[in-house]
Amino acid sequence: MPLRHFSLIEAVALLPGRPVDMHKGDRGRLLIAGGSARYPGAPVLAARGALRSGSGIVSLLSSPWVCAACAARLPEVVCLSANEGWAEVALAEAPSFSAAVVGPGLGRVAWVMDMVRQLWMQWPKPLLIDGDGLFALSEHEAESCLFRADAVLTPHEGEAARLLGTTAEAVRSDRLGAAQCLADRWGCVLLKGSPTIVARRGQKTLFCLDFGGPELSVPGSGDVLSGCIGAFLGAGLEARDAALLGASLHGMAGSRLRVGGVDGILASEIADTLRSVIKEMRS
């Protein structure tokens, strides 16, 4: 199938406008559901990525201790604290948001798996699924395989393999076919790797992104990417455009940091570099 490289000029054209009279709500309102005792920092990195990408309001739905950690590290985030029943909280708050990111650091306990399924079926706004959220979708596929044109899935090869019922090696040997198969089944898919592939159902041409390199292969980098894409979903971009723009910015931030070497880069540094990348693109 045809593969086209996504260009910097195309990325610039997708950047949301910034009128002088805008307020924070005009930038988009993003909900992030994630975090667990083992991975309390993952949703914080996603929130950082969203804020550095220009999101106006970012809220974290998580356990009390994860919310407390987030408040100490990133006080700009609004916290919705709940021990369980996250889906009910999210759905009740849905009118206040323009998009959601579900998955960073969630863990794989039974109630979390059910929560992801419920949000996939009922969340009424654009939705990004990553990390353990993808694991939950693969567990519930037979009963919740419902195509969503407003959804973005961001698997790496292992997660893609689980969703497809195959092996990572099989995905690696046919990345284009795997991405298209996932997109036909679920929604817009951004298949991480080298190169990153973006596919959606009904799209005759797949997009390839050349931005970034091995400097992005650090813990938490994918969480930052989810937040970055989520920011643009919340700003009103359609799923494919949000994925293309977010991944391009994420890759360019990595490329900028690579000047200092490919080792020792922190995911939080990738998030913080997004601001200067966007500034340069706008100029």
Protein backbone atom coordinates (compact mmCIF):
# COMPACT_ATOMS: atom_id res chain seq x y z
CA MET A 1 0.00 0.00 0.00
CA PRO A 2 1.26 3.56 -0.70
CA LEU A 3 3.34 5.23 1.99
CA ARG A 4 3.85 8.99 2.16
CA HIS A 5 6.26 10.96 4.33
CA PHE A 6 4.59 13.60 6.49
CA SER A 7 6.38 16.93 6.10
CA LEU A 8 7.25 19.79 8.42
CA ILE A 9 5.19 22.16 6.27
CA GLU A 10 2.14 19.93 6.74
CA ALA A 11 2.74 19.87 10.49
CA VAL A 12 2.93 23.67 10.65
CA ALA A 13 -0.37 23.94 8.79
CA LEU A 14 -2.10 21.85 11.48
CA LEU A 15 -1.10 24.02 14.45
CA PRO A 16 -4.21 25.49 16.10
CA GLY A 17 -4.70 29.23 15.82
CA ARG A 18 -4.02 31.54 18.74
CA PRO A 19 -6.28 34.63 18.52
CA VAL A 20 -5.43 37.45 20.90
CA ASP A 21 -8.76 37.22 22.73
CA MET A 22 -8.65 33.48 23.46
CA HIS A 23 -8.97 32.06 26.97
CA LYS A 24 -7.67 28.79 28.38
CA GLY A 25 -10.85 26.91 27.56
CA ASP A 26 -10.37 27.75 23.90
CA ARG A 27 -7.14 25.74 23.95
CA GLY A 28 -9.00 22.54 24.80
CA ARG A 29 -9.90 20.67 27.95
CA LEU A 30 -8.20 17.29 28.31
CA LEU A 31 -8.94 14.50 30.79
CA ILE A 32 -6.16 11.99 31.53
CA ALA A 33 -7.11 8.75 33.28
CA GLY A 34 -4.10 6.81 34.48
CA GLY A 35 -1.60 6.05 37.17
CA SER A 36 -1.18 3.33 39.76
CA ALA A 37 0.97 2.58 42.79
CA ARG A 38 3.61 1.10 40.50
CA TYR A 39 3.48 3.83 37.83
CA PRO A 40 2.44 7.08 39.54
CA GLY A 41 4.53 9.24 37.21
CA ALA A 42 3.14 8.07 33.86
CA PRO A 43 -0.01 10.25 33.81
CA VAL A 44 2.00 13.18 35.19
CA LEU A 45 4.30 12.94 32.17
CA ALA A 46 1.27 12.75 29.88
CA ALA A 47 -0.15 15.86 31.54
CA ARG A 48 3.19 17.63 31.17
CA GLY A 49 3.25 16.73 27.47
CA ALA A 50 -0.27 18.08 27.03
CA LEU A 51 0.42 21.36 28.82
CA ARG A 52 3.70 21.93 26.97
CA SER A 53 1.82 21.31 23.71
CA GLY A 54 -0.57 24.14 24.50
CA SER A 55 -3.56 22.44 26.13
CA GLY A 56 -5.66 24.89 28.11
CA ILE A 57 -7.01 22.75 30.95
CA VAL A 58 -5.63 19.32 31.89
CA SER A 59 -7.31 17.19 34.56
CA LEU A 60 -6.02 13.94 36.03
CA LEU A 61 -8.41 11.18 37.06
CA SER A 62 -6.51 8.86 39.37
CA SER A 63 -6.15 7.50 42.88
CA PRO A 64 -5.64 9.91 45.79
CA TRP A 65 -1.93 9.17 46.13
CA VAL A 66 -1.22 9.63 42.42
CA CYS A 67 -3.17 12.91 42.46
CA ALA A 68 -1.13 14.04 45.46
CA ALA A 69 2.11 13.23 43.65
CA CYS A 70 0.90 15.11 40.59
CA ALA A 71 -0.12 18.16 42.61
CA ALA A 72 3.37 18.32 44.11
CA ARG A 73 5.12 17.96 40.76
CA LEU A 74 2.73 19.70 38.36
CA PRO A 75 0.40 22.09 40.21
CA GLU A 76 -1.15 23.33 36.95
CA VAL A 77 -3.13 20.07 36.68
CA VAL A 78 -6.65 19.75 38.10
CA CYS A 79 -7.04 16.51 40.05
CA LEU A 80 -10.12 14.27 40.16
CA SER A 81 -9.41 11.79 42.94
CA ALA A 82 -11.17 8.43 43.15
CA ASN A 83 -10.21 5.01 44.46
CA GLU A 84 -12.48 3.12 42.04
CA GLY A 85 -15.46 3.93 39.83
CA TRP A 86 -13.30 5.98 37.49
CA ALA A 87 -15.55 5.38 34.50
CA GLU A 88 -18.56 6.78 36.33
CA VAL A 89 -16.58 9.85 37.38
CA ALA A 90 -15.25 10.38 33.85
CA LEU A 91 -18.66 10.01 32.21
CA ALA A 92 -20.26 12.37 34.72
CA GLU A 93 -17.56 14.97 33.98
CA ALA A 94 -17.55 14.40 30.20
CA PRO A 95 -19.43 17.63 29.33
CA SER A 96 -16.52 19.58 30.84
CA PHE A 97 -13.93 18.06 28.51
CA SER A 98 -13.15 18.03 24.81
CA ALA A 99 -11.05 14.81 24.77
CA ALA A 100 -9.53 12.13 26.97
CA VAL A 101 -6.31 10.12 27.23
CA VAL A 102 -6.76 6.72 28.90
CA GLY A 103 -3.98 4.32 29.81
CA PRO A 104 -0.70 5.83 31.05
CA GLY A 105 0.44 3.77 34.04
CA LEU A 106 -3.02 2.29 34.70
CA GLY A 107 -1.99 -1.20 35.74
CA ARG A 108 -3.92 -4.33 34.87
CA VAL A 109 -6.25 -5.09 37.76
CA ALA A 110 -9.74 -6.27 36.88
CA TRP A 111 -11.67 -3.07 37.61
CA VAL A 112 -9.24 -1.07 35.47
CA MET A 113 -9.82 -3.44 32.55
CA ASP A 114 -13.58 -2.93 32.91
CA MET A 115 -13.15 0.84 33.19
CA VAL A 116 -11.27 1.05 29.89
CA ARG A 117 -13.92 -1.02 28.14
CA GLN A 118 -16.68 1.17 29.54
CA LEU A 119 -15.00 4.37 28.42
CA TRP A 120 -14.28 2.92 24.98
CA MET A 121 -17.97 2.15 24.58
CA GLN A 122 -19.47 5.24 26.23
CA TRP A 123 -17.04 8.19 26.33
CA PRO A 124 -18.71 10.76 24.03
CA LYS A 125 -15.64 12.80 23.04
CA PRO A 126 -12.41 12.03 21.12
CA LEU A 127 -10.32 9.44 22.90
CA LEU A 128 -6.70 8.25 22.94
CA ILE A 129 -5.80 4.83 24.31
CA ASP A 130 -2.22 3.95 25.25
CA GLY A 131 -0.23 1.65 27.54
CA ASP A 132 -2.31 -0.56 29.79
CA GLY A 133 -5.42 0.81 28.11
CA LEU A 134 -4.35 -1.09 25.00
CA PHE A 135 -3.91 -4.23 27.08
CA ALA A 136 -7.47 -3.79 28.35
CA LEU A 137 -8.83 -3.44 24.81
CA SER A 138 -7.09 -6.63 23.76
CA GLU A 139 -8.64 -8.47 26.73
CA HIS A 140 -12.15 -7.31 25.86
CA GLU A 141 -11.88 -7.38 22.09
CA ALA A 142 -14.64 -9.92 21.45
CA GLU A 143 -17.24 -7.81 23.24
CA SER A 144 -15.95 -4.28 22.73
CA CYS A 145 -14.44 -4.25 19.25
CA LEU A 146 -16.33 -1.17 18.17
CA PHE A 147 -14.74 1.05 15.56
CA ARG A 148 -14.39 4.69 16.65
CA ALA A 149 -13.49 7.29 14.03
CA ASP A 150 -12.63 9.74 16.83
CA ALA A 151 -10.16 7.44 18.60
CA VAL A 152 -6.37 7.18 18.43
CA LEU A 153 -4.47 4.07 19.49
CA THR A 154 -0.71 4.42 20.02
CA PRO A 155 0.77 0.90 20.32
CA HIS A 156 4.36 -0.21 20.01
CA GLU A 157 4.99 -3.47 18.16
CA GLY A 158 4.34 -5.67 21.19
CA GLU A 159 1.05 -3.98 21.99
CA ALA A 160 0.03 -4.09 18.35
CA ALA A 161 0.77 -7.81 18.28
CA ARG A 162 -1.46 -8.43 21.27
CA LEU A 163 -4.32 -6.49 19.70
CA LEU A 164 -3.91 -8.48 16.48
CA GLY A 165 -3.41 -11.86 18.14
CA THR A 166 0.02 -12.35 16.61
CA THR A 167 3.69 -11.81 17.50
CA ALA A 168 5.85 -8.71 17.64
CA GLU A 169 8.08 -10.29 15.01
CA ALA A 170 5.12 -10.64 12.64
CA VAL A 171 4.20 -6.99 13.17
CA ARG A 172 7.81 -5.93 12.60
CA SER A 173 7.94 -7.85 9.33
CA ASP A 174 4.84 -6.05 7.99
CA ARG A 175 4.44 -2.78 9.85
CA LEU A 176 2.27 -1.20 7.16
CA GLY A 177 -0.12 -4.13 7.03
CA ALA A 178 -0.33 -4.32 10.83
CA ALA A 179 -1.06 -0.60 11.16
CA GLN A 180 -3.79 -0.74 8.52
CA CYS A 181 -5.36 -3.84 10.04
CA LEU A 182 -5.50 -2.16 13.45
CA ALA A 183 -6.95 1.02 11.94
CA ASP A 184 -9.65 -0.91 10.10
CA ARG A 185 -10.63 -2.65 13.33
CA TRP A 186 -10.37 0.12 15.94
CA GLY A 187 -9.80 3.67 14.68
CA CYS A 188 -6.82 5.84 13.85
CA VAL A 189 -3.58 4.05 14.78
CA LEU A 190 -0.12 5.43 15.38
CA LEU A 191 2.27 2.47 15.32
CA LYS A 192 5.41 3.49 17.19
CA GLY A 193 8.81 2.46 15.89
CA SER A 194 11.18 3.18 13.08
CA PRO A 195 9.51 4.60 11.15
CA THR A 196 6.35 5.61 12.95
CA ILE A 197 3.27 4.79 10.86
CA VAL A 198 -0.12 6.52 11.03
CA ALA A 199 -3.12 4.77 9.49
CA ARG A 200 -6.88 5.12 9.56
CA ARG A 201 -9.79 3.22 8.01
CA GLY A 202 -10.57 4.28 4.45
CA GLN A 203 -7.21 6.01 4.00
CA LYS A 204 -5.61 4.83 0.78
CA THR A 205 -2.20 6.21 1.75
CA LEU A 206 -0.42 5.57 5.04
CA PHE A 207 1.75 8.27 6.58
CA CYS A 208 5.33 7.79 7.70
CA LEU A 209 7.02 10.12 10.21
CA ASP A 210 10.79 10.58 10.07
CA PHE A 211 11.12 12.93 13.06
CA GLY A 212 13.08 11.70 16.07
CA GLY A 213 15.32 8.71 16.67
CA PRO A 214 16.84 6.55 19.42
CA GLU A 215 16.80 9.46 21.86
CA LEU A 216 13.06 8.88 22.22
CA SER A 217 13.53 5.33 23.51
CA VAL A 218 13.46 6.31 27.19
CA PRO A 219 10.99 5.55 29.99
CA GLY A 220 7.97 7.81 29.88
CA SER A 221 8.52 9.05 26.34
CA GLY A 222 5.33 7.35 25.17
CA ASP A 223 3.37 8.99 27.98
CA VAL A 224 4.57 12.42 26.83
CA LEU A 225 3.54 11.51 23.27
CA SER A 226 0.05 10.55 24.46
CA GLY A 227 -0.36 13.87 26.22
CA CYS A 228 0.90 15.77 23.20
CA ILE A 229 -1.55 14.07 20.83
CA GLY A 230 -4.30 14.40 23.43
CA ALA A 231 -3.75 18.16 23.55
CA PHE A 232 -4.51 18.43 19.84
CA LEU A 233 -7.51 16.10 20.07
CA GLY A 234 -8.79 18.44 22.76
CA ALA A 235 -8.07 21.46 20.58
CA GLY A 236 -10.41 20.10 17.92
CA LEU A 237 -8.13 18.36 15.42
CA GLU A 238 -9.53 15.17 13.95
CA ALA A 239 -7.90 11.96 15.10
CA ARG A 240 -5.43 11.43 12.26
CA ASP A 241 -4.27 15.06 12.21
CA ALA A 242 -3.81 15.11 15.98
CA ALA A 243 -1.70 11.95 15.78
CA LEU A 244 0.42 13.29 12.93
CA LEU A 245 1.02 16.67 14.55
CA GLY A 246 1.63 15.32 18.04
CA ALA A 247 4.07 12.66 16.91
CA SER A 248 5.91 15.14 14.69
CA LEU A 249 6.38 17.59 17.56
CA HIS A 250 7.44 14.79 19.88
CA GLY A 251 10.01 13.61 17.35
CA MET A 252 11.34 17.12 16.73
CA ALA A 253 11.71 17.68 20.46
CA GLY A 254 13.78 14.51 20.63
CA SER A 255 15.91 15.59 17.68
CA ARG A 256 16.64 18.88 19.41
CA LEU A 257 17.76 17.09 22.58
CA ARG A 258 19.89 14.66 20.55
CA VAL A 259 22.42 17.45 20.04
CA GLY A 260 23.60 16.74 23.58
CA GLY A 261 23.81 12.98 22.96
CA VAL A 262 21.29 10.17 22.69
CA ASP A 263 21.86 8.91 26.24
CA GLY A 264 20.56 10.29 29.52
CA ILE A 265 17.57 12.18 28.11
CA LEU A 266 14.55 12.31 30.43
CA ALA A 267 10.96 12.11 29.23
CA SER A 268 10.21 15.30 31.15
CA GLU A 269 12.90 17.02 29.07
CA ILE A 270 11.16 15.90 25.89
CA ALA A 271 7.94 17.42 27.21
CA ASP A 272 9.61 20.68 28.17
CA THR A 273 11.28 20.98 24.76
CA LEU A 274 7.90 20.91 23.00
CA ARG A 275 7.33 24.57 23.81
CA SER A 276 10.40 25.80 21.94
CA VAL A 277 9.68 23.47 19.00
CA ILE A 278 6.17 24.89 18.64
CA LYS A 279 7.47 28.45 18.98
CA GLU A 280 9.96 27.86 16.17
CA MET A 281 7.26 26.29 13.98
CA ARG A 282 4.94 29.25 14.48
CA SER A 283 7.69 31.69 13.51
